[in-house]
Amino acid sequence: MNYSLNVLKEIEIKANSFEIWNTITSNKKLSDCLKISVNCDLWEKGQTIYFNGFKNDLKFSDKAKITEFLQNKLLTYNYFKSGSDDFTELSFSIKRNGKNSSKLILRGKGFLDTDDKIHAEKTWAGMLQILKTEIEKTHHNNGYK
């Protein structure tokens, strides 16, 4: 893994940090957003997150080990793809921009090569957009504008 290869993606979400945090640390909400199975028995440092699903009709079983956990602020984990001992470090941080607006920032480091980094950038941009759409829909349905 090349840990000098880094990715930084961010997106503005019309919701407070609590709502964003409750989505990215909820098995059900995250599974629904990403259309895969996400399972973590206890969202805290040292715990394992399991990601299971199908990609291009092939089953995958990835896992991640939580390395940092600061409620409503920061979630960092080492993400291991199926059958690999190599990992990408992913970090989600939330910055409040106003009463009902926050920025979700995704940082990643540790990629096989430049192609792997480019693929991650595209995938993560799409994932952040999906999270934004779902969180804002929930936020709006809860009576916020």
C-alpha atoms as a PDB file:
ATOM      1  CA  MET A   1       0.000   0.000   0.000  1.00  0.00           C
ATOM      2  CA  ASN A   2       1.146   3.492  -0.798  1.00  0.00           C
ATOM      3  CA  TYR A   3       0.310   5.663   2.211  1.00  0.00           C
ATOM      4  CA  SER A   4       1.532   8.812   0.458  1.00  0.00           C
ATOM      5  CA  LEU A   5      -1.543   8.632  -1.822  1.00  0.00           C
ATOM      6  CA  ASN A   6      -4.352  10.634  -0.201  1.00  0.00           C
ATOM      7  CA  VAL A   7      -7.944  11.521  -1.028  1.00  0.00           C
ATOM      8  CA  LEU A   8      -9.972  14.389   0.417  1.00  0.00           C
ATOM      9  CA  LYS A   9     -13.686  14.726  -0.363  1.00  0.00           C
ATOM     10  CA  GLU A  10     -16.254  16.912   1.346  1.00  0.00           C
ATOM     11  CA  ILE A  11     -19.911  17.743   0.962  1.00  0.00           C
ATOM     12  CA  GLU A  12     -22.248  20.304   2.495  1.00  0.00           C
ATOM     13  CA  ILE A  13     -25.334  18.737   4.096  1.00  0.00           C
ATOM     14  CA  LYS A  14     -28.395  20.653   5.258  1.00  0.00           C
ATOM     15  CA  ALA A  15     -28.596  18.887   8.609  1.00  0.00           C
ATOM     16  CA  ASN A  16     -26.961  19.158  11.997  1.00  0.00           C
ATOM     17  CA  SER A  17     -23.930  17.107  12.999  1.00  0.00           C
ATOM     18  CA  PHE A  18     -26.068  14.859  15.226  1.00  0.00           C
ATOM     19  CA  GLU A  19     -28.198  13.725  12.254  1.00  0.00           C
ATOM     20  CA  ILE A  20     -25.138  13.077  10.100  1.00  0.00           C
ATOM     21  CA  TRP A  21     -23.421  11.157  12.905  1.00  0.00           C
ATOM     22  CA  ASN A  22     -26.548   9.080  13.530  1.00  0.00           C
ATOM     23  CA  THR A  23     -26.505   8.019   9.882  1.00  0.00           C
ATOM     24  CA  ILE A  24     -22.813   7.140   9.514  1.00  0.00           C
ATOM     25  CA  THR A  25     -22.830   5.158  12.783  1.00  0.00           C
ATOM     26  CA  SER A  26     -26.136   3.316  12.349  1.00  0.00           C
ATOM     27  CA  ASN A  27     -26.118  -0.212  10.938  1.00  0.00           C
ATOM     28  CA  LYS A  28     -29.634   0.194   9.518  1.00  0.00           C
ATOM     29  CA  LYS A  29     -29.306   3.723   8.129  1.00  0.00           C
ATOM     30  CA  LEU A  30     -25.895   3.086   6.578  1.00  0.00           C
ATOM     31  CA  SER A  31     -27.041  -0.246   5.121  1.00  0.00           C
ATOM     32  CA  ASP A  32     -30.118   1.422   3.615  1.00  0.00           C
ATOM     33  CA  CYS A  33     -28.068   4.281   2.124  1.00  0.00           C
ATOM     34  CA  LEU A  34     -25.306   2.112   0.667  1.00  0.00           C
ATOM     35  CA  LYS A  35     -27.563  -0.813  -0.342  1.00  0.00           C
ATOM     36  CA  ILE A  36     -25.268  -3.301   1.398  1.00  0.00           C
ATOM     37  CA  SER A  37     -25.185  -4.920   4.834  1.00  0.00           C
ATOM     38  CA  VAL A  38     -23.247  -2.891   7.416  1.00  0.00           C
ATOM     39  CA  ASN A  39     -22.906  -4.366  10.899  1.00  0.00           C
ATOM     40  CA  CYS A  40     -21.021  -3.201  13.967  1.00  0.00           C
ATOM     41  CA  ASP A  41     -21.999  -4.570  17.379  1.00  0.00           C
ATOM     42  CA  LEU A  42     -20.838  -1.448  19.197  1.00  0.00           C
ATOM     43  CA  TRP A  43     -19.715   1.748  17.455  1.00  0.00           C
ATOM     44  CA  GLU A  44     -16.601   2.607  19.458  1.00  0.00           C
ATOM     45  CA  LYS A  45     -12.800   2.516  19.192  1.00  0.00           C
ATOM     46  CA  GLY A  46     -11.408  -0.995  18.772  1.00  0.00           C
ATOM     47  CA  GLN A  47     -14.611  -2.508  17.354  1.00  0.00           C
ATOM     48  CA  THR A  48     -14.993  -4.139  13.925  1.00  0.00           C
ATOM     49  CA  ILE A  49     -17.422  -3.039  11.214  1.00  0.00           C
ATOM     50  CA  TYR A  50     -18.494  -5.654   8.650  1.00  0.00           C
ATOM     51  CA  PHE A  51     -19.540  -4.702   5.113  1.00  0.00           C
ATOM     52  CA  ASN A  52     -21.221  -7.416   2.998  1.00  0.00           C
ATOM     53  CA  GLY A  53     -22.898  -7.243  -0.367  1.00  0.00           C
ATOM     54  CA  PHE A  54     -22.550  -7.759  -4.089  1.00  0.00           C
ATOM     55  CA  LYS A  55     -20.476  -5.758  -6.553  1.00  0.00           C
ATOM     56  CA  ASN A  56     -20.712  -6.629 -10.252  1.00  0.00           C
ATOM     57  CA  ASP A  57     -22.618  -9.803  -9.256  1.00  0.00           C
ATOM     58  CA  LEU A  58     -19.726 -10.923  -7.042  1.00  0.00           C
ATOM     59  CA  LYS A  59     -20.137 -11.292  -3.290  1.00  0.00           C
ATOM     60  CA  PHE A  60     -17.773  -9.301  -1.084  1.00  0.00           C
ATOM     61  CA  SER A  61     -17.101  -9.339   2.654  1.00  0.00           C
ATOM     62  CA  ASP A  62     -14.991  -6.398   3.787  1.00  0.00           C
ATOM     63  CA  LYS A  63     -14.236  -5.293   7.316  1.00  0.00           C
ATOM     64  CA  ALA A  64     -12.890  -2.282   9.148  1.00  0.00           C
ATOM     65  CA  LYS A  65     -11.336  -1.700  12.557  1.00  0.00           C
ATOM     66  CA  ILE A  66     -12.355   1.545  14.291  1.00  0.00           C
ATOM     67  CA  THR A  67      -9.238   3.480  15.368  1.00  0.00           C
ATOM     68  CA  GLU A  68     -10.788   6.827  16.402  1.00  0.00           C
ATOM     69  CA  PHE A  69     -14.270   7.619  17.644  1.00  0.00           C
ATOM     70  CA  LEU A  70     -15.272  11.090  18.853  1.00  0.00           C
ATOM     71  CA  GLN A  71     -19.070  11.340  19.190  1.00  0.00           C
ATOM     72  CA  ASN A  72     -20.642  13.639  16.554  1.00  0.00           C
ATOM     73  CA  LYS A  73     -17.188  14.687  15.284  1.00  0.00           C
ATOM     74  CA  LEU A  74     -14.818  11.991  14.028  1.00  0.00           C
ATOM     75  CA  LEU A  75     -14.931   8.355  12.918  1.00  0.00           C
ATOM     76  CA  THR A  76     -11.703   6.787  11.633  1.00  0.00           C
ATOM     77  CA  TYR A  77     -11.189   3.183  10.647  1.00  0.00           C
ATOM     78  CA  ASN A  78      -8.801   0.910   8.774  1.00  0.00           C
ATOM     79  CA  TYR A  79     -10.745  -0.630   5.878  1.00  0.00           C
ATOM     80  CA  PHE A  80      -9.697  -4.100   4.704  1.00  0.00           C
ATOM     81  CA  LYS A  81     -11.029  -5.347   1.360  1.00  0.00           C
ATOM     82  CA  SER A  82     -12.086  -9.012   1.136  1.00  0.00           C
ATOM     83  CA  GLY A  83      -9.177 -11.345   1.795  1.00  0.00           C
ATOM     84  CA  SER A  84      -6.541  -8.607   2.131  1.00  0.00           C
ATOM     85  CA  ASP A  85      -4.216  -7.697   4.981  1.00  0.00           C
ATOM     86  CA  ASP A  86      -3.627  -4.273   3.394  1.00  0.00           C
ATOM     87  CA  PHE A  87      -5.905  -1.450   4.467  1.00  0.00           C
ATOM     88  CA  THR A  88      -6.995   2.029   3.536  1.00  0.00           C
ATOM     89  CA  GLU A  89      -7.414   4.461   6.406  1.00  0.00           C
ATOM     90  CA  LEU A  90     -10.765   6.267   6.160  1.00  0.00           C
ATOM     91  CA  SER A  91     -11.713   9.218   8.310  1.00  0.00           C
ATOM     92  CA  PHE A  92     -15.119  10.909   8.447  1.00  0.00           C
ATOM     93  CA  SER A  93     -15.224  14.255  10.224  1.00  0.00           C
ATOM     94  CA  ILE A  94     -18.145  16.628  10.666  1.00  0.00           C
ATOM     95  CA  LYS A  95     -17.851  20.413  10.839  1.00  0.00           C
ATOM     96  CA  ARG A  96     -20.880  22.438  11.791  1.00  0.00           C
ATOM     97  CA  ASN A  97     -21.456  25.390   9.447  1.00  0.00           C
ATOM     98  CA  GLY A  98     -24.634  26.749  10.968  1.00  0.00           C
ATOM     99  CA  LYS A  99     -27.718  25.760  12.907  1.00  0.00           C
ATOM    100  CA  ASN A 100     -28.907  23.298  10.264  1.00  0.00           C
ATOM    101  CA  SER A 101     -25.879  22.918   8.017  1.00  0.00           C
ATOM    102  CA  SER A 102     -22.740  20.824   8.352  1.00  0.00           C
ATOM    103  CA  LYS A 103     -19.861  19.654   6.225  1.00  0.00           C
ATOM    104  CA  LEU A 104     -19.047  15.939   6.024  1.00  0.00           C
ATOM    105  CA  ILE A 105     -15.351  15.489   5.242  1.00  0.00           C
ATOM    106  CA  LEU A 106     -13.917  12.173   4.073  1.00  0.00           C
ATOM    107  CA  ARG A 107     -10.169  11.592   4.092  1.00  0.00           C
ATOM    108  CA  GLY A 108      -8.516   8.446   2.868  1.00  0.00           C
ATOM    109  CA  LYS A 109      -4.930   7.296   2.650  1.00  0.00           C
ATOM    110  CA  GLY A 110      -3.241   4.097   1.628  1.00  0.00           C
ATOM    111  CA  PHE A 111      -3.972   2.889  -1.887  1.00  0.00           C
ATOM    112  CA  LEU A 112      -2.486   0.155  -4.052  1.00  0.00           C
ATOM    113  CA  ASP A 113      -1.597   2.648  -6.777  1.00  0.00           C
ATOM    114  CA  THR A 114      -2.829   5.767  -8.560  1.00  0.00           C
ATOM    115  CA  ASP A 115      -5.605   3.832 -10.338  1.00  0.00           C
ATOM    116  CA  ASP A 116      -6.901   2.560  -6.981  1.00  0.00           C
ATOM    117  CA  LYS A 117      -6.848   6.142  -5.638  1.00  0.00           C
ATOM    118  CA  ILE A 118      -8.757   7.482  -8.671  1.00  0.00           C
ATOM    119  CA  HIS A 119     -11.337   4.698  -8.330  1.00  0.00           C
ATOM    120  CA  ALA A 120     -11.784   5.545  -4.622  1.00  0.00           C
ATOM    121  CA  GLU A 121     -12.242   9.259  -5.403  1.00  0.00           C
ATOM    122  CA  LYS A 122     -15.068   8.497  -7.830  1.00  0.00           C
ATOM    123  CA  THR A 123     -16.709   5.926  -5.560  1.00  0.00           C
ATOM    124  CA  TRP A 124     -16.528   8.148  -2.486  1.00  0.00           C
ATOM    125  CA  ALA A 125     -17.912  11.193  -4.320  1.00  0.00           C
ATOM    126  CA  GLY A 126     -20.955   9.082  -5.219  1.00  0.00           C
ATOM    127  CA  MET A 127     -21.242   7.706  -1.685  1.00  0.00           C
ATOM    128  CA  LEU A 128     -21.145  11.199  -0.157  1.00  0.00           C
ATOM    129  CA  GLN A 129     -23.867  12.365  -2.542  1.00  0.00           C
ATOM    130  CA  ILE A 130     -26.058   9.398  -1.550  1.00  0.00           C
ATOM    131  CA  LEU A 131     -25.504  10.144   2.153  1.00  0.00           C
ATOM    132  CA  LYS A 132     -26.332  13.833   1.587  1.00  0.00           C
ATOM    133  CA  THR A 133     -29.557  12.994  -0.247  1.00  0.00           C
ATOM    134  CA  GLU A 134     -30.736  10.512   2.395  1.00  0.00           C
ATOM    135  CA  ILE A 135     -29.767  12.654   5.390  1.00  0.00           C
ATOM    136  CA  GLU A 136     -31.404  15.767   3.942  1.00  0.00           C
ATOM    137  CA  LYS A 137     -34.545  13.783   3.109  1.00  0.00           C
ATOM    138  CA  THR A 138     -34.762  12.595   6.731  1.00  0.00           C
ATOM    139  CA  HIS A 139     -33.950  16.088   8.008  1.00  0.00           C
ATOM    140  CA  HIS A 140     -36.690  17.617   5.843  1.00  0.00           C
ATOM    141  CA  ASN A 141     -39.207  14.919   6.831  1.00  0.00           C
ATOM    142  CA  ASN A 142     -38.524  15.732  10.486  1.00  0.00           C
ATOM    143  CA  GLY A 143     -39.868  19.238   9.908  1.00  0.00           C
ATOM    144  CA  TYR A 144     -36.646  21.157   9.247  1.00  0.00           C
ATOM    145  CA  LYS A 145     -36.115  23.377   6.232  1.00  0.00           C
END
